[in-house]
PDB file of N, CA and C in Angstrom:
ATOM      1  N   MET A   1       0.887  -1.446  -0.155  1.00  0.00           N
ATOM      2  CA  MET A   1       0.200  -0.013   0.068  1.00  0.00           C
ATOM      3  C   MET A   1       1.015   1.002  -0.036  1.00  0.00           C
ATOM      4  N   LYS A   2       0.392   2.502  -0.559  1.00  0.00           N
ATOM      5  CA  LYS A   2       1.170   3.440  -0.690  1.00  0.00           C
ATOM      6  C   LYS A   2       0.186   4.637  -0.297  1.00  0.00           C
ATOM      7  N   LYS A   3       0.567   5.825   0.395  1.00  0.00           N
ATOM      8  CA  LYS A   3       0.246   6.723   0.781  1.00  0.00           C
ATOM      9  C   LYS A   3       0.066   7.957  -0.257  1.00  0.00           C
ATOM     10  N   THR A   4      -1.239   8.266  -0.889  1.00  0.00           N
ATOM     11  CA  THR A   4      -1.270   9.631  -1.773  1.00  0.00           C
ATOM     12  C   THR A   4      -1.116  10.688  -0.606  1.00  0.00           C
ATOM     13  N   TRP A   5      -0.889  11.674  -1.891  1.00  0.00           N
ATOM     14  CA  TRP A   5      -1.021  13.200  -1.231  1.00  0.00           C
ATOM     15  C   TRP A   5      -1.770  13.940  -0.346  1.00  0.00           C
ATOM     16  N   ASP A   6      -2.834  13.242  -0.599  1.00  0.00           N
ATOM     17  CA  ASP A   6      -3.995  13.547   0.246  1.00  0.00           C
ATOM     18  C   ASP A   6      -4.720  12.608   1.408  1.00  0.00           C
ATOM     19  N   GLY A   7      -3.981  11.975   1.580  1.00  0.00           N
ATOM     20  CA  GLY A   7      -3.543  10.730   2.665  1.00  0.00           C
ATOM     21  C   GLY A   7      -4.540   9.625   2.745  1.00  0.00           C
ATOM     22  N   TYR A   8      -4.727   9.122   1.797  1.00  0.00           N
ATOM     23  CA  TYR A   8      -5.296   7.781   1.166  1.00  0.00           C
ATOM     24  C   TYR A   8      -4.218   6.838   0.623  1.00  0.00           C
ATOM     25  N   LEU A   9      -5.027   5.449   1.442  1.00  0.00           N
ATOM     26  CA  LEU A   9      -3.945   4.229   1.071  1.00  0.00           C
ATOM     27  C   LEU A   9      -4.462   3.781   0.127  1.00  0.00           C
ATOM     28  N   VAL A  10      -3.520   3.739  -0.984  1.00  0.00           N
ATOM     29  CA  VAL A  10      -4.102   3.065  -2.456  1.00  0.00           C
ATOM     30  C   VAL A  10      -3.176   1.790  -2.476  1.00  0.00           C
ATOM     31  N   GLY A  11      -3.716   0.828  -3.395  1.00  0.00           N
ATOM     32  CA  GLY A  11      -2.464   0.078  -3.935  1.00  0.00           C
ATOM     33  C   GLY A  11      -1.845   0.489  -4.967  1.00  0.00           C
ATOM     34  N   PRO A  12      -0.363  -0.013  -5.256  1.00  0.00           N
ATOM     35  CA  PRO A  12       0.514   0.290  -6.093  1.00  0.00           C
ATOM     36  C   PRO A  12      -0.105   0.818  -7.378  1.00  0.00           C
ATOM     37  N   ASP A  13      -0.978   0.063  -8.179  1.00  0.00           N
ATOM     38  CA  ASP A  13      -1.377   0.680  -9.511  1.00  0.00           C
ATOM     39  C   ASP A  13      -2.346   1.368  -9.500  1.00  0.00           C
ATOM     40  N   GLN A  14      -2.800   1.939  -8.305  1.00  0.00           N
ATOM     41  CA  GLN A  14      -3.886   3.099  -8.184  1.00  0.00           C
ATOM     42  C   GLN A  14      -3.005   4.210  -7.974  1.00  0.00           C
ATOM     43  N   TRP A  15      -1.756   4.148  -7.440  1.00  0.00           N
ATOM     44  CA  TRP A  15      -0.929   5.733  -6.787  1.00  0.00           C
ATOM     45  C   TRP A  15      -0.368   6.293  -7.834  1.00  0.00           C
ATOM     46  N   SER A  16      -0.468   7.759  -7.879  1.00  0.00           N
ATOM     47  CA  SER A  16      -0.170   8.984  -8.901  1.00  0.00           C
ATOM     48  C   SER A  16       0.418  10.165  -7.844  1.00  0.00           C
ATOM     49  N   PRO A  17       1.573  10.407  -8.228  1.00  0.00           N
ATOM     50  CA  PRO A  17       1.959  11.642  -7.548  1.00  0.00           C
ATOM     51  C   PRO A  17       0.866  12.623  -7.927  1.00  0.00           C
ATOM     52  N   LYS A  18       1.198  13.810  -6.939  1.00  0.00           N
ATOM     53  CA  LYS A  18       0.319  14.803  -6.940  1.00  0.00           C
ATOM     54  C   LYS A  18       0.426  15.755  -8.332  1.00  0.00           C
ATOM     55  N   HIS A  19      -0.689  16.012  -8.611  1.00  0.00           N
ATOM     56  CA  HIS A  19      -0.893  16.909  -9.930  1.00  0.00           C
ATOM     57  C   HIS A  19      -0.131  18.553  -9.790  1.00  0.00           C
ATOM     58  N   PRO A  20       0.815  18.919 -10.579  1.00  0.00           N
ATOM     59  CA  PRO A  20       1.430  20.360 -10.082  1.00  0.00           C
ATOM     60  C   PRO A  20       0.332  21.199 -10.358  1.00  0.00           C
ATOM     61  N   GLN A  21      -0.805  21.110 -11.292  1.00  0.00           N
ATOM     62  CA  GLN A  21      -1.741  22.190 -10.652  1.00  0.00           C
ATOM     63  C   GLN A  21      -2.210  22.674  -9.543  1.00  0.00           C
ATOM     64  N   LEU A  22      -2.058  21.607  -8.846  1.00  0.00           N
ATOM     65  CA  LEU A  22      -2.790  21.537  -7.285  1.00  0.00           C
ATOM     66  C   LEU A  22      -1.874  22.113  -6.252  1.00  0.00           C
ATOM     67  N   MET A  23      -0.533  22.285  -6.890  1.00  0.00           N
ATOM     68  CA  MET A  23       0.343  22.951  -5.939  1.00  0.00           C
ATOM     69  C   MET A  23       0.708  24.361  -5.865  1.00  0.00           C
ATOM     70  N   ILE A  24       0.493  24.785  -4.691  1.00  0.00           N
ATOM     71  CA  ILE A  24       0.402  26.668  -4.544  1.00  0.00           C
ATOM     72  C   ILE A  24       1.561  27.129  -4.697  1.00  0.00           C
ATOM     73  N   LYS A  25       1.267  28.418  -5.727  1.00  0.00           N
ATOM     74  CA  LYS A  25       2.501  28.971  -6.218  1.00  0.00           C
ATOM     75  C   LYS A  25       2.523  30.655  -5.354  1.00  0.00           C
ATOM     76  N   PRO A  26       3.726  30.706  -5.347  1.00  0.00           N
ATOM     77  CA  PRO A  26       3.628  32.055  -4.106  1.00  0.00           C
ATOM     78  C   PRO A  26       2.806  33.152  -5.137  1.00  0.00           C
ATOM     79  N   THR A  27       2.709  34.257  -4.657  1.00  0.00           N
ATOM     80  CA  THR A  27       2.083  35.425  -5.458  1.00  0.00           C
ATOM     81  C   THR A  27       3.307  36.448  -5.211  1.00  0.00           C
ATOM     82  N   PRO A  28       3.898  36.936  -6.413  1.00  0.00           N
ATOM     83  CA  PRO A  28       5.089  38.315  -6.393  1.00  0.00           C
ATOM     84  C   PRO A  28       4.365  39.355  -5.540  1.00  0.00           C
ATOM     85  N   VAL A  29       5.367  39.944  -4.768  1.00  0.00           N
ATOM     86  CA  VAL A  29       4.902  40.911  -3.956  1.00  0.00           C
ATOM     87  C   VAL A  29       5.285  42.265  -4.904  1.00  0.00           C
ATOM     88  N   ASP A  30       4.128  43.041  -4.938  1.00  0.00           N
ATOM     89  CA  ASP A  30       4.575  44.389  -5.500  1.00  0.00           C
ATOM     90  C   ASP A  30       6.012  45.214  -4.707  1.00  0.00           C
ATOM     91  N   PRO A  31       7.117  45.464  -5.671  1.00  0.00           N
ATOM     92  CA  PRO A  31       8.102  46.210  -4.810  1.00  0.00           C
ATOM     93  C   PRO A  31       7.506  47.790  -4.537  1.00  0.00           C
ATOM     94  N   GLN A  32       6.799  48.469  -5.233  1.00  0.00           N
ATOM     95  CA  GLN A  32       6.871  49.773  -4.655  1.00  0.00           C
ATOM     96  C   GLN A  32       4.861  49.976  -5.052  1.00  0.00           C
ATOM     97  N   ALA A  33       4.335  50.284  -3.844  1.00  0.00           N
ATOM     98  CA  ALA A  33       3.107  50.796  -4.075  1.00  0.00           C
ATOM     99  C   ALA A  33       3.072  52.059  -4.345  1.00  0.00           C
ATOM    100  N   LEU A  34       1.655  52.486  -5.170  1.00  0.00           N
ATOM    101  CA  LEU A  34       1.506  53.855  -5.564  1.00  0.00           C
ATOM    102  C   LEU A  34       1.161  54.563  -4.574  1.00  0.00           C
ATOM    103  N   LYS A  35       1.133  55.690  -4.473  1.00  0.00           N
ATOM    104  CA  LYS A  35       0.713  56.293  -3.599  1.00  0.00           C
ATOM    105  C   LYS A  35      -0.952  57.480  -4.036  1.00  0.00           C
ATOM    106  N   ASP A  36      -1.775  57.196  -3.674  1.00  0.00           N
ATOM    107  CA  ASP A  36      -2.979  57.851  -4.333  1.00  0.00           C
ATOM    108  C   ASP A  36      -2.985  57.820  -6.149  1.00  0.00           C
ATOM    109  N   PRO A  37      -3.120  56.198  -6.370  1.00  0.00           N
ATOM    110  CA  PRO A  37      -3.251  56.050  -7.694  1.00  0.00           C
ATOM    111  C   PRO A  37      -4.081  56.778  -8.686  1.00  0.00           C
ATOM    112  N   ARG A  38      -5.622  57.053  -7.931  1.00  0.00           N
ATOM    113  CA  ARG A  38      -6.584  57.612  -9.161  1.00  0.00           C
ATOM    114  C   ARG A  38      -6.279  59.366  -9.342  1.00  0.00           C
ATOM    115  N   PRO A  39      -6.265  59.720 -10.106  1.00  0.00           N
ATOM    116  CA  PRO A  39      -5.924  60.888 -10.533  1.00  0.00           C
ATOM    117  C   PRO A  39      -6.818  62.117  -9.797  1.00  0.00           C
ATOM    118  N   ASP A  40      -6.805  63.008  -9.587  1.00  0.00           N
ATOM    119  CA  ASP A  40      -7.489  63.889  -8.648  1.00  0.00           C
ATOM    120  C   ASP A  40      -8.641  64.484  -9.555  1.00  0.00           C
ATOM    121  N   GLN A  41      -9.990  64.491  -9.184  1.00  0.00           N
ATOM    122  CA  GLN A  41     -11.084  65.155 -10.239  1.00  0.00           C
ATOM    123  C   GLN A  41     -11.208  66.141 -10.249  1.00  0.00           C
ATOM    124  N   PRO A  42     -11.813  67.112 -10.809  1.00  0.00           N
ATOM    125  CA  PRO A  42     -12.272  68.338 -11.070  1.00  0.00           C
ATOM    126  C   PRO A  42     -13.565  68.336 -10.066  1.00  0.00           C
ATOM    127  N   THR A  43     -13.363  69.827  -9.279  1.00  0.00           N
ATOM    128  CA  THR A  43     -15.027  69.816  -8.571  1.00  0.00           C
ATOM    129  C   THR A  43     -15.690  70.365  -9.180  1.00  0.00           C
ATOM    130  N   ASP A  44     -15.916  70.803 -10.271  1.00  0.00           N
ATOM    131  CA  ASP A  44     -16.761  71.220 -11.242  1.00  0.00           C
ATOM    132  C   ASP A  44     -18.120  70.172 -11.123  1.00  0.00           C
ATOM    133  N   ASN A  45     -18.891  70.459 -10.320  1.00  0.00           N
ATOM    134  CA  ASN A  45     -20.109  69.952 -10.346  1.00  0.00           C
ATOM    135  C   ASN A  45     -21.432  70.385 -10.199  1.00  0.00           C
ATOM    136  N   ASN A  46     -21.374  71.952 -11.285  1.00  0.00           N
ATOM    137  CA  ASN A  46     -21.953  72.863 -11.770  1.00  0.00           C
ATOM    138  C   ASN A  46     -23.350  72.070 -12.825  1.00  0.00           C
ATOM    139  N   PHE A  47     -22.610  71.191 -13.689  1.00  0.00           N
ATOM    140  CA  PHE A  47     -23.063  70.848 -14.839  1.00  0.00           C
ATOM    141  C   PHE A  47     -23.081  69.813 -15.210  1.00  0.00           C
ATOM    142  N   PHE A  48     -24.613  68.803 -15.296  1.00  0.00           N
ATOM    143  CA  PHE A  48     -24.507  67.301 -15.641  1.00  0.00           C
ATOM    144  C   PHE A  48     -25.773  67.442 -16.794  1.00  0.00           C
ATOM    145  N   THR A  49     -25.611  66.117 -17.488  1.00  0.00           N
ATOM    146  CA  THR A  49     -26.455  66.061 -18.768  1.00  0.00           C
ATOM    147  C   THR A  49     -27.615  65.038 -17.922  1.00  0.00           C
ATOM    148  N   VAL A  50     -29.115  65.641 -18.224  1.00  0.00           N
ATOM    149  CA  VAL A  50     -30.185  65.028 -18.113  1.00  0.00           C
ATOM    150  C   VAL A  50     -30.882  64.317 -18.957  1.00  0.00           C
ATOM    151  N   TYR A  51     -31.230  62.786 -19.017  1.00  0.00           N
ATOM    152  CA  TYR A  51     -31.530  61.897 -19.732  1.00  0.00           C
ATOM    153  C   TYR A  51     -32.858  61.849 -19.525  1.00  0.00           C
ATOM    154  N   THR A  52     -34.032  61.576 -20.446  1.00  0.00           N
ATOM    155  CA  THR A  52     -34.942  61.369 -20.574  1.00  0.00           C
ATOM    156  C   THR A  52     -35.576  60.472 -21.612  1.00  0.00           C
ATOM    157  N   ASN A  53     -36.651  59.676 -21.342  1.00  0.00           N
ATOM    158  CA  ASN A  53     -37.059  58.619 -22.635  1.00  0.00           C
ATOM    159  C   ASN A  53     -38.114  59.197 -23.191  1.00  0.00           C
ATOM    160  N   SER A  54     -38.443  60.190 -23.409  1.00  0.00           N
ATOM    161  CA  SER A  54     -39.085  61.264 -24.416  1.00  0.00           C
ATOM    162  C   SER A  54     -38.609  62.215 -25.154  1.00  0.00           C
ATOM    163  N   GLY A  55     -39.085  62.209 -26.521  1.00  0.00           N
ATOM    164  CA  GLY A  55     -38.402  63.428 -27.094  1.00  0.00           C
ATOM    165  C   GLY A  55     -36.902  62.801 -27.736  1.00  0.00           C
ATOM    166  N   ASP A  56     -36.055  63.787 -27.703  1.00  0.00           N
ATOM    167  CA  ASP A  56     -34.441  63.251 -27.819  1.00  0.00           C
ATOM    168  C   ASP A  56     -34.244  62.671 -27.302  1.00  0.00           C
ATOM    169  N   GLY A  57     -34.196  62.633 -25.812  1.00  0.00           N
ATOM    170  CA  GLY A  57     -33.763  61.506 -24.692  1.00  0.00           C
ATOM    171  C   GLY A  57     -32.898  62.662 -23.979  1.00  0.00           C
ATOM    172  N   ILE A  58     -32.254  63.683 -24.214  1.00  0.00           N
ATOM    173  CA  ILE A  58     -31.645  64.778 -23.732  1.00  0.00           C
ATOM    174  C   ILE A  58     -32.282  65.852 -23.817  1.00  0.00           C
ATOM    175  N   LEU A  59     -32.026  66.057 -22.191  1.00  0.00           N
ATOM    176  CA  LEU A  59     -33.125  67.381 -21.642  1.00  0.00           C
ATOM    177  C   LEU A  59     -31.864  68.688 -21.699  1.00  0.00           C
ATOM    178  N   GLY A  60     -30.448  68.243 -21.379  1.00  0.00           N
ATOM    179  CA  GLY A  60     -29.727  69.497 -21.841  1.00  0.00           C
ATOM    180  C   GLY A  60     -28.528  69.011 -20.550  1.00  0.00           C
ATOM    181  N   THR A  61     -27.393  70.386 -20.464  1.00  0.00           N
ATOM    182  CA  THR A  61     -26.941  70.189 -19.185  1.00  0.00           C
ATOM    183  C   THR A  61     -26.647  71.124 -18.358  1.00  0.00           C
ATOM    184  N   GLN A  62     -27.808  71.890 -18.241  1.00  0.00           N
ATOM    185  CA  GLN A  62     -28.543  72.738 -17.112  1.00  0.00           C
ATOM    186  C   GLN A  62     -30.164  72.196 -16.980  1.00  0.00           C
ATOM    187  N   LEU A  63     -30.298  71.847 -15.701  1.00  0.00           N
ATOM    188  CA  LEU A  63     -31.469  71.429 -15.176  1.00  0.00           C
ATOM    189  C   LEU A  63     -32.365  72.745 -14.966  1.00  0.00           C
ATOM    190  N   GLN A  64     -33.501  72.835 -15.464  1.00  0.00           N
ATOM    191  CA  GLN A  64     -33.977  73.798 -15.461  1.00  0.00           C
ATOM    192  C   GLN A  64     -35.715  73.513 -15.053  1.00  0.00           C
ATOM    193  N   THR A  65     -36.278  74.601 -14.472  1.00  0.00           N
ATOM    194  CA  THR A  65     -37.656  73.939 -13.972  1.00  0.00           C
ATOM    195  C   THR A  65     -38.763  73.402 -14.683  1.00  0.00           C
ATOM    196  N   PHE A  66     -39.208  72.419 -14.625  1.00  0.00           N
ATOM    197  CA  PHE A  66     -40.100  71.863 -15.438  1.00  0.00           C
ATOM    198  C   PHE A  66     -41.286  70.770 -14.493  1.00  0.00           C
ATOM    199  N   ALA A  67     -42.410  70.812 -14.902  1.00  0.00           N
ATOM    200  CA  ALA A  67     -43.398  70.012 -14.156  1.00  0.00           C
ATOM    201  C   ALA A  67     -43.643  68.822 -14.916  1.00  0.00           C
ATOM    202  N   ILE A  68     -43.967  67.687 -14.049  1.00  0.00           N
ATOM    203  CA  ILE A  68     -44.336  66.458 -14.519  1.00  0.00           C
ATOM    204  C   ILE A  68     -45.497  66.048 -13.722  1.00  0.00           C
ATOM    205  N   SER A  69     -46.536  65.440 -14.512  1.00  0.00           N
ATOM    206  CA  SER A  69     -48.012  64.796 -13.717  1.00  0.00           C
ATOM    207  C   SER A  69     -48.458  63.712 -14.611  1.00  0.00           C
ATOM    208  N   CYS A  70     -48.632  62.751 -13.484  1.00  0.00           N
ATOM    209  CA  CYS A  70     -48.783  61.586 -14.038  1.00  0.00           C
ATOM    210  C   CYS A  70     -50.333  61.018 -13.565  1.00  0.00           C
ATOM    211  N   ASN A  71     -50.967  59.737 -13.702  1.00  0.00           N
ATOM    212  CA  ASN A  71     -51.787  59.212 -13.516  1.00  0.00           C
ATOM    213  C   ASN A  71     -51.816  57.859 -13.467  1.00  0.00           C
ATOM    214  N   VAL A  72     -52.036  57.228 -12.365  1.00  0.00           N
ATOM    215  CA  VAL A  72     -52.334  55.778 -12.222  1.00  0.00           C
ATOM    216  C   VAL A  72     -53.469  55.240 -12.344  1.00  0.00           C
ATOM    217  N   GLY A  73     -54.396  55.835 -12.036  1.00  0.00           N
ATOM    218  CA  GLY A  73     -55.976  55.328 -12.256  1.00  0.00           C
ATOM    219  C   GLY A  73     -56.452  55.501 -10.856  1.00  0.00           C
ATOM    220  N   THR A  74     -57.705  54.590 -10.808  1.00  0.00           N
ATOM    221  CA  THR A  74     -58.250  54.547  -9.464  1.00  0.00           C
ATOM    222  C   THR A  74     -57.897  53.157  -8.851  1.00  0.00           C
ATOM    223  N   VAL A  75     -58.223  52.767  -7.745  1.00  0.00           N
ATOM    224  CA  VAL A  75     -58.405  51.482  -7.199  1.00  0.00           C
ATOM    225  C   VAL A  75     -59.652  51.468  -6.124  1.00  0.00           C
ATOM    226  N   GLU A  76     -60.227  50.167  -6.551  1.00  0.00           N
ATOM    227  CA  GLU A  76     -61.589  50.326  -5.256  1.00  0.00           C
ATOM    228  C   GLU A  76     -61.238  48.943  -4.787  1.00  0.00           C
ATOM    229  N   VAL A  77     -61.379  48.853  -3.497  1.00  0.00           N
ATOM    230  CA  VAL A  77     -61.539  48.083  -2.314  1.00  0.00           C
ATOM    231  C   VAL A  77     -62.628  47.480  -1.537  1.00  0.00           C
ATOM    232  N   THR A  78     -63.135  46.458  -1.848  1.00  0.00           N
ATOM    233  CA  THR A  78     -64.575  46.085  -1.080  1.00  0.00           C
ATOM    234  C   THR A  78     -63.905  44.966  -0.265  1.00  0.00           C
ATOM    235  N   THR A  79     -64.667  44.910   0.989  1.00  0.00           N
ATOM    236  CA  THR A  79     -64.258  43.917   2.229  1.00  0.00           C
ATOM    237  C   THR A  79     -65.597  43.535   2.674  1.00  0.00           C
ATOM    238  N   SER A  80     -65.695  42.216   2.730  1.00  0.00           N
ATOM    239  CA  SER A  80     -67.163  41.541   3.158  1.00  0.00           C
ATOM    240  C   SER A  80     -66.770  40.973   4.352  1.00  0.00           C
TER     241      SER A  80
END
């Protein structure tokens, strides 16, 4: 009987060595970390694009006052 890499006792005809893909490879260490890796973003939050699903799809880059109205119908509830 032979012992396999995972601890089982098997006969000589069933024994096989541990497959290389099952061996853990050490991960390389980054020699130097980057300080603040993201670039600075501009703080200009005054303009944005407003999209809609009617018309051309774009209302513009400056949000102006507009009104929206909708109707969902009526609901009737009866209890007995």
